[in-house]
Amino acid sequence: MASETTTQTAANADATLYLHPQTLSRLGTFELRAKHIVEGVMSGMHRSPYQGFSVEFAQHRPYVAGDDIRHLDWKVYGRSDKLHLKQYQQETNLDLVILVDASGSMNYGSRSFEDASGAGHRRGPRGDFEWTKFDHATALAAAMSYVALRQGDRVGLNVFADEVKAMVRRSSAQGQWRQIVEALSTHPVDAPTNMARVIDQTIAKLNNRTLIAIISDFYEESSHVRSALARCKHRGHDVMVCRVVDRMEQTFDFRDTAPFEGFEGEPRVRVDPRALKADYIKAFNAHQDEVRRIARSFGFDDMLVCTHDWLGPPLAGFIARRNAQIKRTKAG
């Protein structure tokens, strides 16, 4: 018995690593990465009390031929020898639309990795040498999409920079996961972010209240971020602000004087990072705090994710906050 328990614990621990950047970065295609994301999400959901975005258990009812057997309650069957289905109460009519930033700044990454062959080559899924913010954002989007679709919710996707570059319309139909994965299997463009325009393009196609998850580094003027989020609030939509950063952006742990060049057309500048580190970190943290404050001023959820951390905790926290919000709304 002890050996079986130990084996099961080890298997669960290994499964959680499917959502770790070091694991995902070794995969040759985004399709393969998506499969690992599914395995990681499934493992995490099996061991988590947070099982869905917008529904909660309501009651049981007897099984009728033709019902979806996925909702059978096997514990009830074990006690009564009768088949009963779990019924869920819909708490909100929110769909999920995920916006993934593919602007130039999202192409930055400081986390190097070796390929799956073990030959020592440092190559990523797209032939890159680092796990970028865009890689992390697409992995998080794929995980969110899978959880929502598994719950039966409608999910849509917009990949954007200065405008929407790729779109998958909202649906819960079979095959939606494949379309989302294909749309995420892309590459950042050399363009700045124009979040206000993207939000206008997105909400113009929404005719009901929607949960919008924005996955971005939010490297834009805070006034522009406020304007974009205000549009969502005015139209009655809820927003999840997912700020993606690289650890080197947080720490600015560069040591040698070198030329620094932006990803969105900025000129190259030779910089002594040690002389600028204190002021840079102060400015970086101030911008992060401002984006967080803006999001929360509208009553929106906000989270920070780092490219060096695995995706399980942010996803679990996301679902937990959604469930808590639903319960607060119901109680009020």
Protein backbone atom coordinates (compact mmCIF):
# COMPACT_ATOMS: atom_id res chain seq x y z
CA MET A 1 0.00 0.00 0.00
CA ALA A 2 2.79 2.41 0.88
CA SER A 3 4.52 1.68 -2.41
CA GLU A 4 1.30 2.28 -4.36
CA THR A 5 0.70 5.60 -2.57
CA THR A 6 4.25 6.71 -3.21
CA THR A 7 3.96 5.85 -6.90
CA GLN A 8 0.68 7.73 -7.23
CA THR A 9 2.12 10.82 -5.49
CA ALA A 10 5.14 10.77 -7.77
CA ALA A 11 2.90 10.47 -10.84
CA ASN A 12 0.83 13.47 -9.73
CA ALA A 13 3.98 15.51 -9.11
CA ASP A 14 5.32 14.61 -12.55
CA ALA A 15 2.01 15.52 -14.18
CA THR A 16 2.12 19.03 -12.74
CA LEU A 17 5.39 19.55 -14.58
CA TYR A 18 3.47 19.47 -17.85
CA LEU A 19 2.66 23.12 -17.10
CA HIS A 20 6.25 24.09 -16.32
CA PRO A 21 8.08 26.29 -18.88
CA GLN A 22 11.13 24.02 -18.77
CA THR A 23 8.92 21.14 -19.94
CA LEU A 24 6.86 23.07 -22.48
CA SER A 25 9.93 24.72 -24.00
CA ARG A 26 11.36 21.37 -25.05
CA LEU A 27 8.41 20.45 -27.26
CA GLY A 28 8.87 20.74 -30.99
CA THR A 29 5.43 22.03 -32.02
CA PHE A 30 2.70 24.04 -30.39
CA GLU A 31 0.29 21.16 -31.00
CA LEU A 32 2.49 18.88 -28.90
CA ARG A 33 2.78 21.61 -26.28
CA ALA A 34 -1.00 21.94 -26.18
CA LYS A 35 -1.35 18.21 -25.51
CA HIS A 36 0.97 18.52 -22.53
CA ILE A 37 -0.98 21.54 -21.32
CA VAL A 38 -4.13 19.42 -21.40
CA GLU A 39 -2.45 16.70 -19.33
CA GLY A 40 -1.22 19.25 -16.80
CA VAL A 41 -4.58 20.96 -16.52
CA MET A 42 -6.37 17.65 -16.10
CA SER A 43 -3.97 16.58 -13.37
CA GLY A 44 -4.33 19.87 -11.55
CA MET A 45 -8.13 19.83 -11.79
CA HIS A 46 -8.30 16.29 -10.40
CA ARG A 47 -6.47 17.45 -7.28
CA SER A 48 -8.10 20.89 -6.96
CA PRO A 49 -11.46 21.96 -5.52
CA TYR A 50 -11.74 24.57 -8.26
CA GLN A 51 -13.33 22.70 -11.14
CA GLY A 52 -15.02 25.29 -13.34
CA PHE A 53 -15.45 28.87 -14.45
CA SER A 54 -19.11 29.64 -14.16
CA VAL A 55 -21.18 26.77 -12.79
CA GLU A 56 -21.70 25.05 -9.44
CA PHE A 57 -23.22 21.74 -8.39
CA ALA A 58 -26.96 21.95 -7.72
CA GLN A 59 -28.48 18.48 -7.33
CA HIS A 60 -28.68 14.91 -8.59
CA ARG A 61 -31.25 13.39 -10.94
CA PRO A 62 -31.76 9.81 -12.16
CA TYR A 63 -29.86 8.78 -15.26
CA VAL A 64 -31.91 8.50 -18.47
CA ALA A 65 -30.70 6.65 -21.55
CA GLY A 66 -28.91 9.08 -23.82
CA ASP A 67 -27.57 11.32 -21.03
CA ASP A 68 -23.89 12.31 -21.06
CA ILE A 69 -22.15 9.70 -18.90
CA ARG A 70 -19.38 12.17 -18.04
CA HIS A 71 -21.69 13.65 -15.40
CA LEU A 72 -22.46 10.35 -13.67
CA ASP A 73 -21.78 10.39 -9.92
CA TRP A 74 -19.99 7.12 -9.28
CA LYS A 75 -19.92 7.67 -5.53
CA VAL A 76 -23.72 7.74 -5.45
CA TYR A 77 -23.75 4.61 -7.63
CA GLY A 78 -21.44 2.86 -5.16
CA ARG A 79 -23.76 3.63 -2.27
CA SER A 80 -27.12 3.03 -3.92
CA ASP A 81 -26.36 0.86 -6.96
CA LYS A 82 -28.36 3.40 -9.00
CA LEU A 83 -27.13 5.75 -11.70
CA HIS A 84 -27.54 9.47 -10.99
CA LEU A 85 -26.28 12.50 -12.85
CA LYS A 86 -24.78 15.62 -11.29
CA GLN A 87 -26.74 18.70 -12.31
CA TYR A 88 -25.11 22.09 -12.31
CA GLN A 89 -26.63 25.49 -11.85
CA GLN A 90 -25.52 28.16 -14.29
CA GLU A 91 -24.46 31.15 -12.23
CA THR A 92 -23.64 33.58 -15.02
CA ASN A 93 -24.08 33.87 -18.77
CA LEU A 94 -20.49 35.01 -19.33
CA ASP A 95 -18.62 33.58 -22.29
CA LEU A 96 -14.81 33.66 -22.28
CA VAL A 97 -12.84 35.63 -24.88
CA ILE A 98 -9.06 35.51 -24.54
CA LEU A 99 -6.89 38.28 -25.96
CA VAL A 100 -3.22 37.37 -26.45
CA ASP A 101 -0.67 40.11 -27.06
CA ALA A 102 1.60 39.32 -30.01
CA SER A 103 3.32 42.72 -30.21
CA GLY A 104 7.07 42.97 -30.55
CA SER A 105 7.85 43.29 -26.85
CA MET A 106 6.27 39.89 -26.21
CA ASN A 107 9.11 38.31 -28.20
CA TYR A 108 11.54 38.88 -25.34
CA GLY A 109 12.75 36.00 -23.22
CA SER A 110 15.78 35.38 -21.01
CA ARG A 111 15.13 31.75 -20.17
CA SER A 112 17.33 29.58 -22.35
CA PHE A 113 16.73 25.88 -22.76
CA GLU A 114 18.11 22.79 -24.44
CA ASP A 115 16.21 20.79 -27.00
CA ALA A 116 14.52 17.49 -26.21
CA SER A 117 17.26 15.49 -27.93
CA GLY A 118 19.67 16.26 -25.12
CA ALA A 119 22.30 17.28 -27.67
CA GLY A 120 22.80 20.62 -25.99
CA HIS A 121 21.25 22.74 -28.74
CA ARG A 122 19.29 25.66 -27.38
CA ARG A 123 16.27 25.76 -29.65
CA GLY A 124 12.63 26.49 -28.92
CA PRO A 125 9.40 25.35 -30.58
CA ARG A 126 9.69 28.06 -33.23
CA GLY A 127 13.45 27.74 -33.69
CA ASP A 128 14.13 30.41 -31.07
CA PHE A 129 16.70 30.20 -28.31
CA GLU A 130 14.59 31.41 -25.38
CA TRP A 131 11.21 30.81 -23.76
CA THR A 132 9.56 34.15 -24.48
CA LYS A 133 6.72 36.08 -22.92
CA PHE A 134 4.65 35.17 -25.96
CA ASP A 135 5.37 31.47 -25.41
CA HIS A 136 4.18 31.83 -21.82
CA ALA A 137 1.10 33.81 -22.87
CA THR A 138 0.03 31.26 -25.47
CA ALA A 139 0.51 28.39 -23.02
CA LEU A 140 -1.65 30.19 -20.45
CA ALA A 141 -4.30 30.94 -23.09
CA ALA A 142 -4.37 27.31 -24.17
CA ALA A 143 -4.79 26.17 -20.57
CA MET A 144 -7.61 28.65 -19.88
CA SER A 145 -9.36 27.66 -23.10
CA TYR A 146 -9.21 23.99 -22.27
CA VAL A 147 -10.68 24.45 -18.80
CA ALA A 148 -13.58 26.55 -20.13
CA LEU A 149 -14.33 24.27 -23.07
CA ARG A 150 -14.24 21.20 -20.85
CA GLN A 151 -16.86 22.91 -18.69
CA GLY A 152 -19.06 23.43 -21.76
CA ASP A 153 -18.57 27.20 -21.95
CA ARG A 154 -18.11 29.12 -25.18
CA VAL A 155 -14.57 30.34 -25.80
CA GLY A 156 -13.19 32.79 -28.34
CA LEU A 157 -9.67 34.05 -29.05
CA ASN A 158 -8.09 37.21 -30.45
CA VAL A 159 -4.35 37.46 -31.12
CA PHE A 160 -3.41 41.14 -31.33
CA ALA A 161 -0.77 43.83 -31.55
CA ASP A 162 -1.74 47.23 -32.95
CA GLU A 163 -4.94 45.54 -34.14
CA VAL A 164 -6.50 42.08 -34.06
CA LYS A 165 -4.24 39.81 -36.13
CA ALA A 166 -6.09 36.50 -35.77
CA MET A 167 -9.52 35.65 -34.40
CA VAL A 168 -11.41 32.51 -33.43
CA ARG A 169 -15.12 33.13 -32.92
CA ARG A 170 -16.77 32.07 -29.68
CA SER A 171 -18.00 28.50 -29.65
CA SER A 172 -18.20 25.43 -27.46
CA ALA A 173 -18.47 23.08 -30.42
CA GLN A 174 -16.24 20.11 -30.93
CA GLY A 175 -13.14 21.24 -32.76
CA GLN A 176 -12.96 24.65 -31.06
CA TRP A 177 -9.89 23.56 -29.12
CA ARG A 178 -8.12 22.69 -32.36
CA GLN A 179 -8.93 26.08 -33.89
CA ILE A 180 -7.65 27.92 -30.81
CA VAL A 181 -4.43 25.92 -30.77
CA GLU A 182 -3.86 26.61 -34.46
CA ALA A 183 -4.43 30.35 -33.96
CA LEU A 184 -1.96 30.41 -31.05
CA SER A 185 0.68 28.66 -33.13
CA THR A 186 1.99 31.93 -34.49
CA HIS A 187 4.77 34.44 -33.81
CA PRO A 188 4.90 38.01 -32.47
CA VAL A 189 4.96 40.83 -35.01
CA ASP A 190 7.22 43.89 -35.02
CA ALA A 191 4.45 46.24 -34.01
CA PRO A 192 3.51 48.16 -30.87
CA THR A 193 0.43 47.48 -28.79
CA ASN A 194 -2.75 49.48 -29.37
CA MET A 195 -5.01 48.07 -26.70
CA ALA A 196 -7.78 50.64 -27.10
CA ARG A 197 -8.21 49.78 -30.80
CA VAL A 198 -8.08 46.05 -30.07
CA ILE A 199 -10.73 46.35 -27.34
CA ASP A 200 -12.96 48.34 -29.71
CA GLN A 201 -12.56 45.65 -32.38
CA THR A 202 -13.29 42.93 -29.84
CA ILE A 203 -16.35 44.33 -28.07
CA ALA A 204 -17.90 45.39 -31.37
CA LYS A 205 -18.52 41.70 -32.00
CA LEU A 206 -19.90 40.92 -28.52
CA ASN A 207 -23.65 41.06 -28.03
CA ASN A 208 -23.78 39.70 -24.48
CA ARG A 209 -21.86 40.12 -21.25
CA THR A 210 -18.50 38.41 -21.63
CA LEU A 211 -15.47 37.59 -19.53
CA ILE A 212 -12.42 38.96 -21.35
CA ALA A 213 -8.98 37.67 -20.36
CA ILE A 214 -6.21 39.98 -21.58
CA ILE A 215 -2.79 38.29 -21.56
CA SER A 216 -0.12 40.91 -22.22
CA ASP A 217 2.95 42.63 -20.81
CA PHE A 218 0.88 45.85 -20.85
CA TYR A 219 3.85 47.87 -22.08
CA GLU A 220 1.70 50.81 -23.03
CA GLU A 221 0.91 54.17 -21.49
CA SER A 222 -1.19 53.61 -18.39
CA SER A 223 -3.73 56.13 -19.66
CA HIS A 224 -4.26 53.92 -22.74
CA VAL A 225 -4.73 50.87 -20.54
CA ARG A 226 -7.28 52.76 -18.46
CA SER A 227 -9.16 53.86 -21.58
CA ALA A 228 -9.28 50.27 -22.91
CA LEU A 229 -10.53 48.81 -19.63
CA ALA A 230 -13.06 51.62 -19.23
CA ARG A 231 -14.59 50.61 -22.58
CA CYS A 232 -15.07 47.07 -21.28
CA LYS A 233 -16.63 48.30 -18.05
CA HIS A 234 -18.98 50.64 -19.87
CA ARG A 235 -20.27 47.78 -22.03
CA GLY A 236 -20.83 45.57 -18.98
CA HIS A 237 -18.01 43.10 -19.63
CA ASP A 238 -15.79 41.56 -16.96
CA VAL A 239 -12.02 41.49 -17.44
CA MET A 240 -9.15 39.37 -16.18
CA VAL A 241 -5.86 41.27 -16.50
CA CYS A 242 -2.96 38.80 -16.89
CA ARG A 243 0.38 40.61 -16.82
CA VAL A 244 3.21 38.53 -18.30
CA VAL A 245 6.78 39.53 -17.44
CA ASP A 246 10.22 38.01 -17.81
CA ARG A 247 12.36 37.64 -14.70
CA MET A 248 15.14 39.77 -16.17
CA GLU A 249 12.61 42.54 -16.67
CA GLN A 250 11.81 42.33 -12.98
CA THR A 251 15.39 42.20 -11.72
CA PHE A 252 17.35 43.97 -14.50
CA ASP A 253 20.24 41.73 -13.54
CA PHE A 254 22.47 42.70 -16.47
CA ARG A 255 26.12 43.28 -15.65
CA ASP A 256 28.02 44.47 -18.71
CA THR A 257 27.68 47.66 -20.72
CA ALA A 258 26.01 46.69 -23.99
CA PRO A 259 23.67 48.01 -26.68
CA PHE A 260 19.98 47.65 -25.77
CA GLU A 261 17.44 47.56 -28.58
CA GLY A 262 13.66 47.59 -28.45
CA PHE A 263 11.44 45.06 -30.18
CA GLU A 264 9.02 47.63 -31.55
CA GLY A 265 11.23 49.92 -33.61
CA GLU A 266 13.02 51.77 -30.81
CA PRO A 267 16.61 52.88 -31.57
CA ARG A 268 19.60 51.01 -30.18
CA VAL A 269 21.13 52.61 -27.10
CA ARG A 270 24.37 51.67 -25.37
CA VAL A 271 23.68 51.34 -21.66
CA ASP A 272 25.55 50.64 -18.45
CA PRO A 273 22.84 48.57 -16.71
CA ARG A 274 24.43 48.85 -13.27
CA ALA A 275 24.11 52.62 -13.36
CA LEU A 276 20.44 52.45 -14.36
CA LYS A 277 19.29 49.45 -12.34
CA ALA A 278 17.81 51.27 -9.34
CA ASP A 279 15.89 53.80 -11.45
CA TYR A 280 14.76 51.11 -13.89
CA ILE A 281 13.35 48.84 -11.17
CA LYS A 282 11.59 51.81 -9.60
CA ALA A 283 9.97 52.73 -12.93
CA PHE A 284 9.13 49.11 -13.75
CA ASN A 285 7.44 48.49 -10.40
CA ALA A 286 5.59 51.79 -10.61
CA HIS A 287 4.11 50.83 -13.98
CA GLN A 288 3.11 47.36 -12.73
CA ASP A 289 1.47 48.89 -9.66
CA GLU A 290 -0.39 51.39 -11.81
CA VAL A 291 -1.78 48.74 -14.18
CA ARG A 292 -2.85 46.67 -11.18
CA ARG A 293 -4.50 49.69 -9.56
CA ILE A 294 -6.34 50.58 -12.77
CA ALA A 295 -7.66 47.03 -13.17
CA ARG A 296 -8.87 46.85 -9.60
CA SER A 297 -10.44 50.31 -9.76
CA PHE A 298 -12.89 48.85 -12.29
CA GLY A 299 -13.46 45.77 -10.12
CA PHE A 300 -11.49 43.52 -12.48
CA ASP A 301 -9.27 40.61 -11.45
CA ASP A 302 -5.52 41.01 -11.94
CA MET A 303 -2.60 38.61 -11.80
CA LEU A 304 1.10 38.68 -12.54
CA VAL A 305 2.75 35.68 -14.22
CA CYS A 306 6.48 35.22 -14.78
CA THR A 307 8.01 33.32 -17.67
CA HIS A 308 10.20 31.36 -15.24
CA ASP A 309 7.25 30.01 -13.21
CA TRP A 310 4.91 27.16 -14.08
CA LEU A 311 1.31 27.83 -15.09
CA GLY A 312 -0.58 25.84 -12.45
CA PRO A 313 -0.87 28.44 -9.66
CA PRO A 314 -2.04 31.33 -11.90
CA LEU A 315 -4.68 29.11 -13.50
CA ALA A 316 -5.91 27.76 -10.16
CA GLY A 317 -5.98 31.29 -8.76
CA PHE A 318 -7.93 32.50 -11.77
CA ILE A 319 -10.62 29.86 -11.29
CA ALA A 320 -10.70 30.41 -7.52
CA ARG A 321 -11.30 34.13 -7.99
CA ARG A 322 -14.04 33.48 -10.51
CA ASN A 323 -15.78 31.08 -8.14
CA ALA A 324 -15.44 33.50 -5.21
CA GLN A 325 -16.86 36.33 -7.30
CA ILE A 326 -19.81 34.21 -8.37
CA LYS A 327 -20.56 33.31 -4.75
CA ARG A 328 -20.35 36.96 -3.67
CA THR A 329 -22.72 37.98 -6.46
CA LYS A 330 -25.15 35.24 -5.52
CA ALA A 331 -25.04 36.17 -1.82
CA GLY A 332 -25.60 39.84 -2.62
